[in-house]
All heavy atoms as atom14 arrays in JSON, in Angstrom:
{
  "sequence": "TITKLHIPGGPSVRFDTAIYQDYSIPPYYDSMIGKLIVQARTRDYA",
  "atom14_mask": [
    [1, 1, 1, 1, 1, 1, 1, 0, 0, 0, 0, 0, 0, 0],
    [1, 1, 1, 1, 1, 1, 1, 1, 0, 0, 0, 0, 0, 0],
    [1, 1, 1, 1, 1, 1, 1, 0, 0, 0, 0, 0, 0, 0],
    [1, 1, 1, 1, 1, 1, 1, 1, 1, 0, 0, 0, 0, 0],
    [1, 1, 1, 1, 1, 1, 1, 1, 0, 0, 0, 0, 0, 0],
    [1, 1, 1, 1, 1, 1, 1, 1, 1, 1, 0, 0, 0, 0],
    [1, 1, 1, 1, 1, 1, 1, 1, 0, 0, 0, 0, 0, 0],
    [1, 1, 1, 1, 1, 1, 1, 0, 0, 0, 0, 0, 0, 0],
    [1, 1, 1, 1, 0, 0, 0, 0, 0, 0, 0, 0, 0, 0],
    [1, 1, 1, 1, 0, 0, 0, 0, 0, 0, 0, 0, 0, 0],
    [1, 1, 1, 1, 1, 1, 1, 0, 0, 0, 0, 0, 0, 0],
    [1, 1, 1, 1, 1, 1, 0, 0, 0, 0, 0, 0, 0, 0],
    [1, 1, 1, 1, 1, 1, 1, 0, 0, 0, 0, 0, 0, 0],
    [1, 1, 1, 1, 1, 1, 1, 1, 1, 1, 1, 0, 0, 0],
    [1, 1, 1, 1, 1, 1, 1, 1, 1, 1, 1, 0, 0, 0],
    [1, 1, 1, 1, 1, 1, 1, 1, 0, 0, 0, 0, 0, 0],
    [1, 1, 1, 1, 1, 1, 1, 0, 0, 0, 0, 0, 0, 0],
    [1, 1, 1, 1, 1, 0, 0, 0, 0, 0, 0, 0, 0, 0],
    [1, 1, 1, 1, 1, 1, 1, 1, 0, 0, 0, 0, 0, 0],
    [1, 1, 1, 1, 1, 1, 1, 1, 1, 1, 1, 1, 0, 0],
    [1, 1, 1, 1, 1, 1, 1, 1, 1, 0, 0, 0, 0, 0],
    [1, 1, 1, 1, 1, 1, 1, 1, 0, 0, 0, 0, 0, 0],
    [1, 1, 1, 1, 1, 1, 1, 1, 1, 1, 1, 1, 0, 0],
    [1, 1, 1, 1, 1, 1, 0, 0, 0, 0, 0, 0, 0, 0],
    [1, 1, 1, 1, 1, 1, 1, 1, 0, 0, 0, 0, 0, 0],
    [1, 1, 1, 1, 1, 1, 1, 0, 0, 0, 0, 0, 0, 0],
    [1, 1, 1, 1, 1, 1, 1, 0, 0, 0, 0, 0, 0, 0],
    [1, 1, 1, 1, 1, 1, 1, 1, 1, 1, 1, 1, 0, 0],
    [1, 1, 1, 1, 1, 1, 1, 1, 1, 1, 1, 1, 0, 0],
    [1, 1, 1, 1, 1, 1, 1, 1, 0, 0, 0, 0, 0, 0],
    [1, 1, 1, 1, 1, 1, 0, 0, 0, 0, 0, 0, 0, 0],
    [1, 1, 1, 1, 1, 1, 1, 1, 0, 0, 0, 0, 0, 0],
    [1, 1, 1, 1, 1, 1, 1, 1, 0, 0, 0, 0, 0, 0],
    [1, 1, 1, 1, 0, 0, 0, 0, 0, 0, 0, 0, 0, 0],
    [1, 1, 1, 1, 1, 1, 1, 1, 1, 0, 0, 0, 0, 0],
    [1, 1, 1, 1, 1, 1, 1, 1, 0, 0, 0, 0, 0, 0],
    [1, 1, 1, 1, 1, 1, 1, 1, 0, 0, 0, 0, 0, 0],
    [1, 1, 1, 1, 1, 1, 1, 0, 0, 0, 0, 0, 0, 0],
    [1, 1, 1, 1, 1, 1, 1, 1, 1, 0, 0, 0, 0, 0],
    [1, 1, 1, 1, 1, 0, 0, 0, 0, 0, 0, 0, 0, 0],
    [1, 1, 1, 1, 1, 1, 1, 1, 1, 1, 1, 0, 0, 0],
    [1, 1, 1, 1, 1, 1, 1, 0, 0, 0, 0, 0, 0, 0],
    [1, 1, 1, 1, 1, 1, 1, 1, 1, 1, 1, 0, 0, 0],
    [1, 1, 1, 1, 1, 1, 1, 1, 0, 0, 0, 0, 0, 0],
    [1, 1, 1, 1, 1, 1, 1, 1, 1, 1, 1, 1, 0, 0],
    [1, 1, 1, 1, 1, 0, 0, 0, 0, 0, 0, 0, 0, 0]
  ],
  "atom14_positions": [
    [[86.38, 126.95, 144.35], [85.46, 125.82, 144.45], [84.9, 125.68, 145.86], [85.65, 125.75, 146.84], [86.16, 124.51, 144.05], [86.64, 124.64, 142.7], [85.21, 123.32, 144.13], [0.0, 0.0, 0.0], [0.0, 0.0, 0.0], [0.0, 0.0, 0.0], [0.0, 0.0, 0.0], [0.0, 0.0, 0.0], [0.0, 0.0, 0.0], [0.0, 0.0, 0.0]],
    [[83.59, 125.49, 145.96], [82.94, 125.26, 147.25], [83.28, 123.84, 147.69], [82.81, 122.86, 147.1], [81.41, 125.42, 147.14], [81.03, 126.78, 146.57], [80.75, 125.18, 148.5], [81.33, 127.94, 147.44], [0.0, 0.0, 0.0], [0.0, 0.0, 0.0], [0.0, 0.0, 0.0], [0.0, 0.0, 0.0], [0.0, 0.0, 0.0], [0.0, 0.0, 0.0]],
    [[84.1, 123.72, 148.7], [84.53, 122.38, 149.16], [83.62, 121.81, 150.24], [83.57, 120.6, 150.44], [85.97, 122.45, 149.7], [86.03, 123.42, 150.77], [86.94, 122.85, 148.6], [0.0, 0.0, 0.0], [0.0, 0.0, 0.0], [0.0, 0.0, 0.0], [0.0, 0.0, 0.0], [0.0, 0.0, 0.0], [0.0, 0.0, 0.0], [0.0, 0.0, 0.0]],
    [[82.9, 122.69, 150.92], [81.96, 122.23, 151.94], [80.84, 123.26, 152.05], [81.11, 124.46, 152.05], [82.65, 122.06, 153.3], [81.73, 121.55, 154.4], [82.49, 121.41, 155.72], [81.58, 120.96, 156.86], [82.31, 120.88, 158.15], [0.0, 0.0, 0.0], [0.0, 0.0, 0.0], [0.0, 0.0, 0.0], [0.0, 0.0, 0.0], [0.0, 0.0, 0.0]],
    [[79.6, 122.77, 152.15], [78.47, 123.69, 152.21], [77.4, 123.14, 153.15], [76.96, 122.0, 153.0], [77.86, 123.89, 150.82], [76.6, 124.77, 150.74], [76.9, 126.2, 151.15], [76.01, 124.73, 149.33], [0.0, 0.0, 0.0], [0.0, 0.0, 0.0], [0.0, 0.0, 0.0], [0.0, 0.0, 0.0], [0.0, 0.0, 0.0], [0.0, 0.0, 0.0]],
    [[77.04, 123.94, 154.14], [75.89, 123.61, 154.99], [74.98, 124.81, 155.04], [75.39, 125.9, 155.43], [76.32, 123.24, 156.42], [75.15, 123.02, 157.33], [74.36, 121.9, 157.27], [74.61, 123.8, 158.3], [73.39, 122.0, 158.17], [73.52, 123.14, 158.81], [0.0, 0.0, 0.0], [0.0, 0.0, 0.0], [0.0, 0.0, 0.0], [0.0, 0.0, 0.0]],
    [[73.72, 124.6, 154.65], [72.73, 125.67, 154.6], [71.8, 125.54, 155.8], [71.28, 124.46, 156.07], [71.92, 125.59, 153.29], [72.85, 125.88, 152.09], [70.75, 126.57, 153.31], [72.2, 125.66, 150.75], [0.0, 0.0, 0.0], [0.0, 0.0, 0.0], [0.0, 0.0, 0.0], [0.0, 0.0, 0.0], [0.0, 0.0, 0.0], [0.0, 0.0, 0.0]],
    [[71.6, 126.63, 156.57], [70.73, 126.55, 157.75], [69.28, 126.32, 157.36], [68.84, 126.64, 156.25], [70.92, 127.92, 158.41], [71.35, 128.82, 157.31], [72.16, 127.98, 156.37], [0.0, 0.0, 0.0], [0.0, 0.0, 0.0], [0.0, 0.0, 0.0], [0.0, 0.0, 0.0], [0.0, 0.0, 0.0], [0.0, 0.0, 0.0], [0.0, 0.0, 0.0]],
    [[68.51, 125.77, 158.29], [67.1, 125.5, 158.05], [66.27, 125.88, 159.24], [66.69, 126.64, 160.11], [0.0, 0.0, 0.0], [0.0, 0.0, 0.0], [0.0, 0.0, 0.0], [0.0, 0.0, 0.0], [0.0, 0.0, 0.0], [0.0, 0.0, 0.0], [0.0, 0.0, 0.0], [0.0, 0.0, 0.0], [0.0, 0.0, 0.0], [0.0, 0.0, 0.0]],
    [[65.06, 125.34, 159.3], [64.14, 125.65, 160.39], [63.0, 126.5, 159.9], [63.02, 127.02, 158.77], [0.0, 0.0, 0.0], [0.0, 0.0, 0.0], [0.0, 0.0, 0.0], [0.0, 0.0, 0.0], [0.0, 0.0, 0.0], [0.0, 0.0, 0.0], [0.0, 0.0, 0.0], [0.0, 0.0, 0.0], [0.0, 0.0, 0.0], [0.0, 0.0, 0.0]],
    [[61.97, 126.69, 160.73], [60.8, 127.49, 160.34], [61.19, 128.92, 159.97], [61.94, 129.58, 160.68], [59.92, 127.47, 161.61], [60.36, 126.25, 162.36], [61.82, 126.11, 162.08], [0.0, 0.0, 0.0], [0.0, 0.0, 0.0], [0.0, 0.0, 0.0], [0.0, 0.0, 0.0], [0.0, 0.0, 0.0], [0.0, 0.0, 0.0], [0.0, 0.0, 0.0]],
    [[60.66, 129.38, 158.84], [60.84, 130.77, 158.39], [62.3, 131.15, 158.22], [62.71, 132.28, 158.49], [60.14, 131.74, 159.36], [58.77, 131.46, 159.46], [0.0, 0.0, 0.0], [0.0, 0.0, 0.0], [0.0, 0.0, 0.0], [0.0, 0.0, 0.0], [0.0, 0.0, 0.0], [0.0, 0.0, 0.0], [0.0, 0.0, 0.0], [0.0, 0.0, 0.0]],
    [[63.11, 130.2, 157.76], [64.51, 130.46, 157.38], [64.65, 130.09, 155.9], [64.3, 128.99, 155.5], [65.5, 129.65, 158.22], [66.93, 129.89, 157.73], [65.38, 130.01, 159.7], [0.0, 0.0, 0.0], [0.0, 0.0, 0.0], [0.0, 0.0, 0.0], [0.0, 0.0, 0.0], [0.0, 0.0, 0.0], [0.0, 0.0, 0.0], [0.0, 0.0, 0.0]],
    [[65.16, 131.01, 155.12], [65.22, 130.82, 153.66], [66.6, 131.24, 153.15], [67.11, 132.29, 153.56], [64.11, 131.67, 153.03], [64.17, 131.85, 151.52], [62.94, 132.64, 151.07], [63.06, 133.13, 149.71], [62.14, 133.86, 149.08], [61.01, 134.17, 149.73], [62.33, 134.28, 147.84], [0.0, 0.0, 0.0], [0.0, 0.0, 0.0], [0.0, 0.0, 0.0]],
    [[67.18, 130.43, 152.29], [68.46, 130.8, 151.69], [68.32, 130.71, 150.18], [68.21, 129.63, 149.6], [69.57, 129.86, 152.17], [70.95, 130.3, 151.76], [71.42, 131.57, 152.04], [71.81, 129.44, 151.09], [72.69, 131.99, 151.68], [73.1, 129.83, 150.72], [73.53, 131.12, 151.01], [0.0, 0.0, 0.0], [0.0, 0.0, 0.0], [0.0, 0.0, 0.0]],
    [[68.28, 131.85, 149.53], [68.19, 131.92, 148.07], [69.6, 131.92, 147.51], [70.37, 132.86, 147.75], [67.46, 133.2, 147.64], [65.97, 133.12, 147.83], [65.51, 132.22, 148.56], [65.25, 133.97, 147.26], [0.0, 0.0, 0.0], [0.0, 0.0, 0.0], [0.0, 0.0, 0.0], [0.0, 0.0, 0.0], [0.0, 0.0, 0.0], [0.0, 0.0, 0.0]],
    [[69.95, 130.89, 146.77], [71.32, 130.77, 146.27], [71.35, 129.89, 145.03], [70.37, 129.21, 144.7], [72.24, 130.18, 147.35], [73.6, 130.26, 146.91], [71.9, 128.72, 147.63], [0.0, 0.0, 0.0], [0.0, 0.0, 0.0], [0.0, 0.0, 0.0], [0.0, 0.0, 0.0], [0.0, 0.0, 0.0], [0.0, 0.0, 0.0], [0.0, 0.0, 0.0]],
    [[72.48, 129.92, 144.35], [72.7, 129.04, 143.21], [73.98, 128.23, 143.4], [74.44, 127.57, 142.47], [72.78, 129.84, 141.91], [0.0, 0.0, 0.0], [0.0, 0.0, 0.0], [0.0, 0.0, 0.0], [0.0, 0.0, 0.0], [0.0, 0.0, 0.0], [0.0, 0.0, 0.0], [0.0, 0.0, 0.0], [0.0, 0.0, 0.0], [0.0, 0.0, 0.0]],
    [[74.57, 128.29, 144.6], [75.78, 127.51, 144.84], [75.43, 126.13, 145.38], [74.36, 125.92, 145.94], [76.74, 128.24, 145.81], [76.12, 128.38, 147.21], [77.15, 129.59, 145.25], [77.09, 128.91, 148.26], [0.0, 0.0, 0.0], [0.0, 0.0, 0.0], [0.0, 0.0, 0.0], [0.0, 0.0, 0.0], [0.0, 0.0, 0.0], [0.0, 0.0, 0.0]],
    [[76.35, 125.2, 145.21], [76.22, 123.86, 145.75], [77.62, 123.32, 145.99], [78.62, 123.89, 145.5], [75.42, 122.95, 144.79], [75.97, 122.89, 143.38], [76.98, 121.97, 143.02], [75.5, 123.74, 142.38], [77.48, 121.91, 141.73], [75.99, 123.69, 141.08], [76.98, 122.76, 140.77], [77.48, 122.71, 139.48], [0.0, 0.0, 0.0], [0.0, 0.0, 0.0]],
    [[77.72, 122.26, 146.76], [79.05, 121.71, 147.06], [79.74, 121.25, 145.78], [79.12, 120.64, 144.91], [78.92, 120.53, 148.04], [80.27, 120.1, 148.61], [80.14, 119.36, 149.92], [79.38, 119.77, 150.79], [80.87, 118.28, 150.07], [0.0, 0.0, 0.0], [0.0, 0.0, 0.0], [0.0, 0.0, 0.0], [0.0, 0.0, 0.0], [0.0, 0.0, 0.0]],
    [[81.01, 121.6, 145.65], [81.86, 121.32, 144.49], [81.59, 122.27, 143.32], [82.2, 122.12, 142.26], [81.72, 119.87, 144.01], [82.15, 118.86, 145.07], [83.11, 119.17, 145.82], [81.55, 117.79, 145.18], [0.0, 0.0, 0.0], [0.0, 0.0, 0.0], [0.0, 0.0, 0.0], [0.0, 0.0, 0.0], [0.0, 0.0, 0.0], [0.0, 0.0, 0.0]],
    [[80.72, 123.24, 143.51], [80.51, 124.25, 142.48], [81.68, 125.23, 142.49], [82.15, 125.65, 143.56], [79.2, 125.0, 142.73], [78.99, 126.22, 141.84], [78.81, 126.08, 140.47], [78.98, 127.51, 142.38], [78.61, 127.19, 139.66], [78.78, 128.62, 141.58], [78.59, 128.46, 140.22], [78.41, 129.56, 139.42], [0.0, 0.0, 0.0], [0.0, 0.0, 0.0]],
    [[82.15, 125.63, 141.33], [83.24, 126.59, 141.22], [82.69, 127.97, 140.88], [82.04, 128.14, 139.85], [84.25, 126.15, 140.16], [84.93, 125.0, 140.57], [0.0, 0.0, 0.0], [0.0, 0.0, 0.0], [0.0, 0.0, 0.0], [0.0, 0.0, 0.0], [0.0, 0.0, 0.0], [0.0, 0.0, 0.0], [0.0, 0.0, 0.0], [0.0, 0.0, 0.0]],
    [[82.92, 128.92, 141.78], [82.45, 130.29, 141.56], [83.37, 130.98, 140.56], [84.57, 131.12, 140.8], [82.44, 131.07, 142.88], [81.46, 130.41, 143.87], [82.06, 132.53, 142.65], [81.5, 131.01, 145.26], [0.0, 0.0, 0.0], [0.0, 0.0, 0.0], [0.0, 0.0, 0.0], [0.0, 0.0, 0.0], [0.0, 0.0, 0.0], [0.0, 0.0, 0.0]],
    [[82.83, 131.4, 139.41], [83.68, 132.05, 138.4], [84.03, 133.48, 138.79], [83.31, 134.11, 139.59], [82.81, 132.01, 137.14], [81.41, 131.97, 137.64], [81.44, 131.24, 138.95], [0.0, 0.0, 0.0], [0.0, 0.0, 0.0], [0.0, 0.0, 0.0], [0.0, 0.0, 0.0], [0.0, 0.0, 0.0], [0.0, 0.0, 0.0], [0.0, 0.0, 0.0]],
    [[85.1, 134.02, 138.26], [85.56, 135.36, 138.65], [84.95, 136.5, 137.85], [85.35, 137.65, 138.02], [87.07, 135.28, 138.39], [87.18, 134.36, 137.21], [86.07, 133.34, 137.38], [0.0, 0.0, 0.0], [0.0, 0.0, 0.0], [0.0, 0.0, 0.0], [0.0, 0.0, 0.0], [0.0, 0.0, 0.0], [0.0, 0.0, 0.0], [0.0, 0.0, 0.0]],
    [[83.97, 136.2, 137.0], [83.53, 137.2, 136.02], [82.29, 138.0, 136.44], [81.93, 138.96, 135.78], [83.21, 136.51, 134.69], [84.3, 135.6, 134.21], [84.18, 134.21, 134.32], [85.47, 136.12, 133.65], [85.19, 133.37, 133.9], [86.49, 135.28, 133.22], [86.34, 133.91, 133.35], [87.34, 133.08, 132.93], [0.0, 0.0, 0.0], [0.0, 0.0, 0.0]],
    [[81.66, 137.61, 137.54], [80.35, 138.18, 137.84], [80.28, 138.79, 139.23], [81.26, 138.8, 139.97], [79.27, 137.1, 137.66], [79.42, 136.35, 136.36], [79.73, 135.0, 136.34], [79.3, 137.01, 135.13], [79.9, 134.31, 135.15], [79.47, 136.33, 133.93], [79.78, 134.98, 133.94], [79.96, 134.31, 132.76], [0.0, 0.0, 0.0], [0.0, 0.0, 0.0]],
    [[79.1, 139.29, 139.59], [78.87, 139.91, 140.88], [79.25, 138.96, 142.01], [79.1, 137.73, 141.89], [77.39, 140.29, 140.99], [77.08, 141.06, 142.25], [77.28, 142.28, 142.26], [76.65, 140.43, 143.23], [0.0, 0.0, 0.0], [0.0, 0.0, 0.0], [0.0, 0.0, 0.0], [0.0, 0.0, 0.0], [0.0, 0.0, 0.0], [0.0, 0.0, 0.0]],
    [[79.71, 139.52, 143.12], [80.22, 138.68, 144.21], [79.12, 138.07, 145.1], [79.41, 137.22, 145.94], [81.17, 139.5, 145.1], [80.47, 140.56, 145.74], [0.0, 0.0, 0.0], [0.0, 0.0, 0.0], [0.0, 0.0, 0.0], [0.0, 0.0, 0.0], [0.0, 0.0, 0.0], [0.0, 0.0, 0.0], [0.0, 0.0, 0.0], [0.0, 0.0, 0.0]],
    [[77.87, 138.49, 144.92], [76.81, 137.94, 145.76], [76.53, 136.49, 145.39], [76.25, 136.17, 144.24], [75.51, 138.75, 145.65], [74.5, 138.37, 146.72], [72.95, 139.3, 146.6], [72.21, 138.49, 145.19], [0.0, 0.0, 0.0], [0.0, 0.0, 0.0], [0.0, 0.0, 0.0], [0.0, 0.0, 0.0], [0.0, 0.0, 0.0], [0.0, 0.0, 0.0]],
    [[76.61, 135.6, 146.39], [76.39, 134.17, 146.14], [75.15, 133.64, 146.86], [74.8, 132.46, 146.71], [77.62, 133.33, 146.54], [78.0, 133.59, 148.0], [78.78, 133.61, 145.59], [79.12, 132.68, 148.51], [0.0, 0.0, 0.0], [0.0, 0.0, 0.0], [0.0, 0.0, 0.0], [0.0, 0.0, 0.0], [0.0, 0.0, 0.0], [0.0, 0.0, 0.0]],
    [[74.48, 134.49, 147.61], [73.27, 134.03, 148.28], [72.65, 135.12, 149.12], [73.27, 136.15, 149.41], [0.0, 0.0, 0.0], [0.0, 0.0, 0.0], [0.0, 0.0, 0.0], [0.0, 0.0, 0.0], [0.0, 0.0, 0.0], [0.0, 0.0, 0.0], [0.0, 0.0, 0.0], [0.0, 0.0, 0.0], [0.0, 0.0, 0.0], [0.0, 0.0, 0.0]],
    [[71.4, 134.87, 149.53], [70.68, 135.78, 150.4], [70.02, 134.94, 151.49], [69.23, 134.04, 151.19], [69.61, 136.55, 149.61], [70.16, 137.3, 148.42], [69.08, 138.04, 147.63], [67.97, 137.13, 147.19], [67.13, 137.76, 146.14], [0.0, 0.0, 0.0], [0.0, 0.0, 0.0], [0.0, 0.0, 0.0], [0.0, 0.0, 0.0], [0.0, 0.0, 0.0]],
    [[70.36, 135.24, 152.73], [69.78, 134.53, 153.86], [68.68, 135.4, 154.44], [68.91, 136.56, 154.79], [70.86, 134.23, 154.91], [70.44, 133.4, 156.12], [69.94, 132.02, 155.7], [71.63, 133.23, 157.08], [0.0, 0.0, 0.0], [0.0, 0.0, 0.0], [0.0, 0.0, 0.0], [0.0, 0.0, 0.0], [0.0, 0.0, 0.0], [0.0, 0.0, 0.0]],
    [[67.47, 134.84, 154.53], [66.31, 135.6, 154.99], [65.63, 134.84, 156.13], [65.47, 133.62, 156.05], [65.28, 135.81, 153.85], [65.98, 136.3, 152.58], [64.22, 136.82, 154.28], [66.16, 135.25, 151.52], [0.0, 0.0, 0.0], [0.0, 0.0, 0.0], [0.0, 0.0, 0.0], [0.0, 0.0, 0.0], [0.0, 0.0, 0.0], [0.0, 0.0, 0.0]],
    [[65.25, 135.57, 157.17], [64.5, 134.97, 158.27], [63.29, 135.84, 158.58], [63.27, 137.05, 158.28], [65.35, 134.81, 159.56], [66.6, 133.98, 159.29], [65.7, 136.16, 160.16], [0.0, 0.0, 0.0], [0.0, 0.0, 0.0], [0.0, 0.0, 0.0], [0.0, 0.0, 0.0], [0.0, 0.0, 0.0], [0.0, 0.0, 0.0], [0.0, 0.0, 0.0]],
    [[62.28, 135.23, 159.2], [61.1, 135.95, 159.64], [60.73, 135.47, 161.03], [60.84, 134.27, 161.34], [59.93, 135.72, 158.67], [58.69, 136.55, 158.93], [57.66, 135.84, 159.78], [57.78, 134.65, 160.06], [56.64, 136.57, 160.21], [0.0, 0.0, 0.0], [0.0, 0.0, 0.0], [0.0, 0.0, 0.0], [0.0, 0.0, 0.0], [0.0, 0.0, 0.0]],
    [[60.35, 136.41, 161.89], [59.98, 136.07, 163.26], [58.9, 137.01, 163.75], [58.55, 137.99, 163.07], [61.21, 136.12, 164.18], [0.0, 0.0, 0.0], [0.0, 0.0, 0.0], [0.0, 0.0, 0.0], [0.0, 0.0, 0.0], [0.0, 0.0, 0.0], [0.0, 0.0, 0.0], [0.0, 0.0, 0.0], [0.0, 0.0, 0.0], [0.0, 0.0, 0.0]],
    [[58.38, 136.76, 164.96], [57.26, 137.55, 165.49], [57.65, 138.99, 165.74], [56.85, 139.9, 165.54], [56.75, 136.93, 166.79], [56.1, 135.57, 166.63], [55.43, 135.15, 167.93], [56.35, 135.16, 169.07], [57.14, 134.16, 169.41], [57.14, 133.05, 168.68], [57.94, 134.23, 170.46], [0.0, 0.0, 0.0], [0.0, 0.0, 0.0], [0.0, 0.0, 0.0]],
    [[58.87, 139.22, 166.24], [59.32, 140.57, 166.57], [60.69, 140.83, 165.96], [61.38, 139.89, 165.53], [59.43, 140.75, 168.1], [60.48, 139.9, 168.59], [58.12, 140.4, 168.79], [0.0, 0.0, 0.0], [0.0, 0.0, 0.0], [0.0, 0.0, 0.0], [0.0, 0.0, 0.0], [0.0, 0.0, 0.0], [0.0, 0.0, 0.0], [0.0, 0.0, 0.0]],
    [[61.11, 142.09, 165.96], [62.42, 142.43, 165.41], [63.54, 141.82, 166.24], [64.51, 141.29, 165.7], [62.58, 143.95, 165.34], [63.89, 144.38, 164.67], [63.93, 145.88, 164.44], [65.13, 146.24, 163.68], [66.27, 146.63, 164.23], [66.38, 146.71, 165.56], [67.31, 146.93, 163.47], [0.0, 0.0, 0.0], [0.0, 0.0, 0.0], [0.0, 0.0, 0.0]],
    [[63.44, 141.89, 167.57], [64.47, 141.31, 168.42], [64.62, 139.82, 168.15], [65.74, 139.3, 168.08], [64.12, 141.53, 169.89], [64.3, 142.98, 170.33], [64.95, 143.74, 169.59], [63.78, 143.35, 171.4], [0.0, 0.0, 0.0], [0.0, 0.0, 0.0], [0.0, 0.0, 0.0], [0.0, 0.0, 0.0], [0.0, 0.0, 0.0], [0.0, 0.0, 0.0]],
    [[63.5, 139.14, 168.02], [63.53, 137.7, 167.74], [64.14, 137.45, 166.36], [64.91, 136.5, 166.17], [62.11, 137.14, 167.85], [62.01, 135.63, 167.76], [63.12, 134.8, 167.89], [60.77, 135.02, 167.54], [62.99, 133.42, 167.8], [60.65, 133.65, 167.45], [61.76, 132.86, 167.57], [61.65, 131.5, 167.47], [0.0, 0.0, 0.0], [0.0, 0.0, 0.0]],
    [[63.81, 138.3, 165.39], [64.35, 138.13, 164.04], [65.87, 138.31, 164.02], [66.59, 137.59, 163.32], [63.68, 139.11, 163.08], [0.0, 0.0, 0.0], [0.0, 0.0, 0.0], [0.0, 0.0, 0.0], [0.0, 0.0, 0.0], [0.0, 0.0, 0.0], [0.0, 0.0, 0.0], [0.0, 0.0, 0.0], [0.0, 0.0, 0.0], [0.0, 0.0, 0.0]]
  ]
}
């Protein structure tokens, strides 16, 4: 069970997920629970 969840924000920050606080992750499926994506002017900045 997700007991605490804080998702980052800000310009060009994206978190694709289906989890939420108090959600129970079942043991039957793929282990990926989210994808964190950012975009910036340059690779170093990203």
